[in-house]
Amino acid sequence: EFIDYRVRIYNGKPPVHCKITKENVGHKVGEFAGN
């Protein structure tokens, strides 16, 4: 139900913008934020 949503991931640095796709499903959101 969240496919094609755009989210901002905050990891203590400026937010990272990420689009939820079918390939992202099953992964943790933090995997796409980087360090």
PDB file of N, CA and C in Angstrom:
ATOM      1  N   GLU A   1       0.810  -1.194   0.000  1.00  0.00           N
ATOM      2  CA  GLU A   1       0.000   0.000   0.000  1.00  0.00           C
ATOM      3  C   GLU A   1       0.857   1.263   0.000  1.00  0.00           C
ATOM      4  N   PHE A   2       2.150   1.144   0.319  1.00  0.00           N
ATOM      5  CA  PHE A   2       3.038   2.306   0.322  1.00  0.00           C
ATOM      6  C   PHE A   2       3.882   2.401  -0.942  1.00  0.00           C
ATOM      7  N   ILE A   3       3.654   1.545  -1.913  1.00  0.00           N
ATOM      8  CA  ILE A   3       4.445   1.574  -3.143  1.00  0.00           C
ATOM      9  C   ILE A   3       4.188   2.888  -3.869  1.00  0.00           C
ATOM     10  N   ASP A   4       5.243   3.489  -4.386  1.00  0.00           N
ATOM     11  CA  ASP A   4       5.265   4.787  -5.069  1.00  0.00           C
ATOM     12  C   ASP A   4       5.125   5.971  -4.117  1.00  0.00           C
ATOM     13  N   TYR A   5       5.265   5.762  -2.803  1.00  0.00           N
ATOM     14  CA  TYR A   5       5.309   6.866  -1.852  1.00  0.00           C
ATOM     15  C   TYR A   5       6.721   7.424  -1.845  1.00  0.00           C
ATOM     16  N   ARG A   6       6.833   8.704  -1.576  1.00  0.00           N
ATOM     17  CA  ARG A   6       8.139   9.334  -1.394  1.00  0.00           C
ATOM     18  C   ARG A   6       8.281   9.647   0.088  1.00  0.00           C
ATOM     19  N   VAL A   7       9.398   9.237   0.665  1.00  0.00           N
ATOM     20  CA  VAL A   7       9.630   9.449   2.091  1.00  0.00           C
ATOM     21  C   VAL A   7      10.970  10.137   2.300  1.00  0.00           C
ATOM     22  N   ARG A   8      11.098  10.800   3.444  1.00  0.00           N
ATOM     23  CA  ARG A   8      12.371  11.389   3.843  1.00  0.00           C
ATOM     24  C   ARG A   8      12.898  10.570   5.008  1.00  0.00           C
ATOM     25  N   ILE A   9      14.151  10.158   4.913  1.00  0.00           N
ATOM     26  CA  ILE A   9      14.788   9.362   5.955  1.00  0.00           C
ATOM     27  C   ILE A   9      15.784  10.262   6.673  1.00  0.00           C
ATOM     28  N   TYR A  10      15.603  10.418   7.976  1.00  0.00           N
ATOM     29  CA  TYR A  10      16.509  11.247   8.768  1.00  0.00           C
ATOM     30  C   TYR A  10      17.446  10.346   9.552  1.00  0.00           C
ATOM     31  N   ASN A  11      18.748  10.537   9.347  1.00  0.00           N
ATOM     32  CA  ASN A  11      19.743   9.716  10.040  1.00  0.00           C
ATOM     33  C   ASN A  11      20.732  10.569  10.834  1.00  0.00           C
ATOM     34  N   GLY A  12      20.306  11.766  11.242  1.00  0.00           N
ATOM     35  CA  GLY A  12      21.183  12.656  11.995  1.00  0.00           C
ATOM     36  C   GLY A  12      21.874  13.671  11.114  1.00  0.00           C
ATOM     37  N   LYS A  13      21.803  13.479   9.834  1.00  0.00           N
ATOM     38  CA  LYS A  13      22.367  14.394   8.843  1.00  0.00           C
ATOM     39  C   LYS A  13      21.195  14.946   8.033  1.00  0.00           C
ATOM     40  N   PRO A  14      21.435  15.738   7.001  1.00  0.00           N
ATOM     41  CA  PRO A  14      20.305  16.186   6.179  1.00  0.00           C
ATOM     42  C   PRO A  14      19.491  14.993   5.672  1.00  0.00           C
ATOM     43  N   PRO A  15      18.162  15.143   5.627  1.00  0.00           N
ATOM     44  CA  PRO A  15      17.301  14.022   5.230  1.00  0.00           C
ATOM     45  C   PRO A  15      17.611  13.503   3.828  1.00  0.00           C
ATOM     46  N   VAL A  16      17.429  12.199   3.659  1.00  0.00           N
ATOM     47  CA  VAL A  16      17.613  11.543   2.367  1.00  0.00           C
ATOM     48  C   VAL A  16      16.228  11.256   1.807  1.00  0.00           C
ATOM     49  N   HIS A  17      15.986  11.645   0.565  1.00  0.00           N
ATOM     50  CA  HIS A  17      14.700  11.387  -0.069  1.00  0.00           C
ATOM     51  C   HIS A  17      14.754  10.024  -0.746  1.00  0.00           C
ATOM     52  N   CYS A  18      13.706   9.237  -0.570  1.00  0.00           N
ATOM     53  CA  CYS A  18      13.663   7.890  -1.108  1.00  0.00           C
ATOM     54  C   CYS A  18      12.254   7.597  -1.595  1.00  0.00           C
ATOM     55  N   LYS A  19      12.149   6.941  -2.731  1.00  0.00           N
ATOM     56  CA  LYS A  19      10.851   6.520  -3.256  1.00  0.00           C
ATOM     57  C   LYS A  19      10.701   5.027  -3.001  1.00  0.00           C
ATOM     58  N   ILE A  20       9.572   4.636  -2.432  1.00  0.00           N
ATOM     59  CA  ILE A  20       9.310   3.229  -2.146  1.00  0.00           C
ATOM     60  C   ILE A  20       8.878   2.543  -3.439  1.00  0.00           C
ATOM     61  N   THR A  21       9.610   1.508  -3.826  1.00  0.00           N
ATOM     62  CA  THR A  21       9.280   0.742  -5.028  1.00  0.00           C
ATOM     63  C   THR A  21       9.110  -0.725  -4.654  1.00  0.00           C
ATOM     64  N   LYS A  22       8.716  -1.531  -5.602  1.00  0.00           N
ATOM     65  CA  LYS A  22       8.551  -2.965  -5.345  1.00  0.00           C
ATOM     66  C   LYS A  22       9.869  -3.599  -4.932  1.00  0.00           C
ATOM     67  N   GLU A  23      10.993  -3.077  -5.435  1.00  0.00           N
ATOM     68  CA  GLU A  23      12.302  -3.622  -5.096  1.00  0.00           C
ATOM     69  C   GLU A  23      12.682  -3.309  -3.645  1.00  0.00           C
ATOM     70  N   ASN A  24      12.149  -2.225  -3.076  1.00  0.00           N
ATOM     71  CA  ASN A  24      12.456  -1.829  -1.699  1.00  0.00           C
ATOM     72  C   ASN A  24      11.702  -2.670  -0.678  1.00  0.00           C
ATOM     73  N   VAL A  25      10.598  -3.267  -1.063  1.00  0.00           N
ATOM     74  CA  VAL A  25       9.754  -4.008  -0.125  1.00  0.00           C
ATOM     75  C   VAL A  25      10.548  -5.173   0.463  1.00  0.00           C
ATOM     76  N   GLY A  26      10.494  -5.312   1.777  1.00  0.00           N
ATOM     77  CA  GLY A  26      11.218  -6.376   2.463  1.00  0.00           C
ATOM     78  C   GLY A  26      12.549  -5.926   3.032  1.00  0.00           C
ATOM     79  N   HIS A  27      12.985  -4.715   2.689  1.00  0.00           N
ATOM     80  CA  HIS A  27      14.232  -4.165   3.217  1.00  0.00           C
ATOM     81  C   HIS A  27      13.912  -3.181   4.334  1.00  0.00           C
ATOM     82  N   LYS A  28      14.892  -2.936   5.185  1.00  0.00           N
ATOM     83  CA  LYS A  28      14.740  -1.907   6.203  1.00  0.00           C
ATOM     84  C   LYS A  28      15.007  -0.556   5.554  1.00  0.00           C
ATOM     85  N   VAL A  29      14.272   0.453   5.986  1.00  0.00           N
ATOM     86  CA  VAL A  29      14.384   1.779   5.374  1.00  0.00           C
ATOM     87  C   VAL A  29      15.790   2.352   5.541  1.00  0.00           C
ATOM     88  N   GLY A  30      16.440   2.084   6.656  1.00  0.00           N
ATOM     89  CA  GLY A  30      17.780   2.606   6.907  1.00  0.00           C
ATOM     90  C   GLY A  30      18.828   2.136   5.917  1.00  0.00           C
ATOM     91  N   GLU A  31      18.573   1.043   5.211  1.00  0.00           N
ATOM     92  CA  GLU A  31      19.526   0.548   4.216  1.00  0.00           C
ATOM     93  C   GLU A  31      19.704   1.539   3.069  1.00  0.00           C
ATOM     94  N   PHE A  32      18.740   2.401   2.856  1.00  0.00           N
ATOM     95  CA  PHE A  32      18.781   3.332   1.735  1.00  0.00           C
ATOM     96  C   PHE A  32      19.264   4.715   2.146  1.00  0.00           C
ATOM     97  N   ALA A  33      19.531   4.922   3.433  1.00  0.00           N
ATOM     98  CA  ALA A  33      19.948   6.231   3.919  1.00  0.00           C
ATOM     99  C   ALA A  33      21.456   6.428   3.819  1.00  0.00           C
ATOM    100  N   GLY A  34      22.241   5.402   4.018  1.00  0.00           N
ATOM    101  CA  GLY A  34      23.692   5.555   3.986  1.00  0.00           C
ATOM    102  C   GLY A  34      24.210   6.232   5.240  1.00  0.00           C
ATOM    103  N   ASN A  35      25.515   6.322   5.358  1.00  0.00           N
ATOM    104  CA  ASN A  35      26.123   6.950   6.541  1.00  0.00           C
ATOM    105  C   ASN A  35      26.881   8.167   6.127  1.00  0.00           C
TER     106      ASN A  35
END
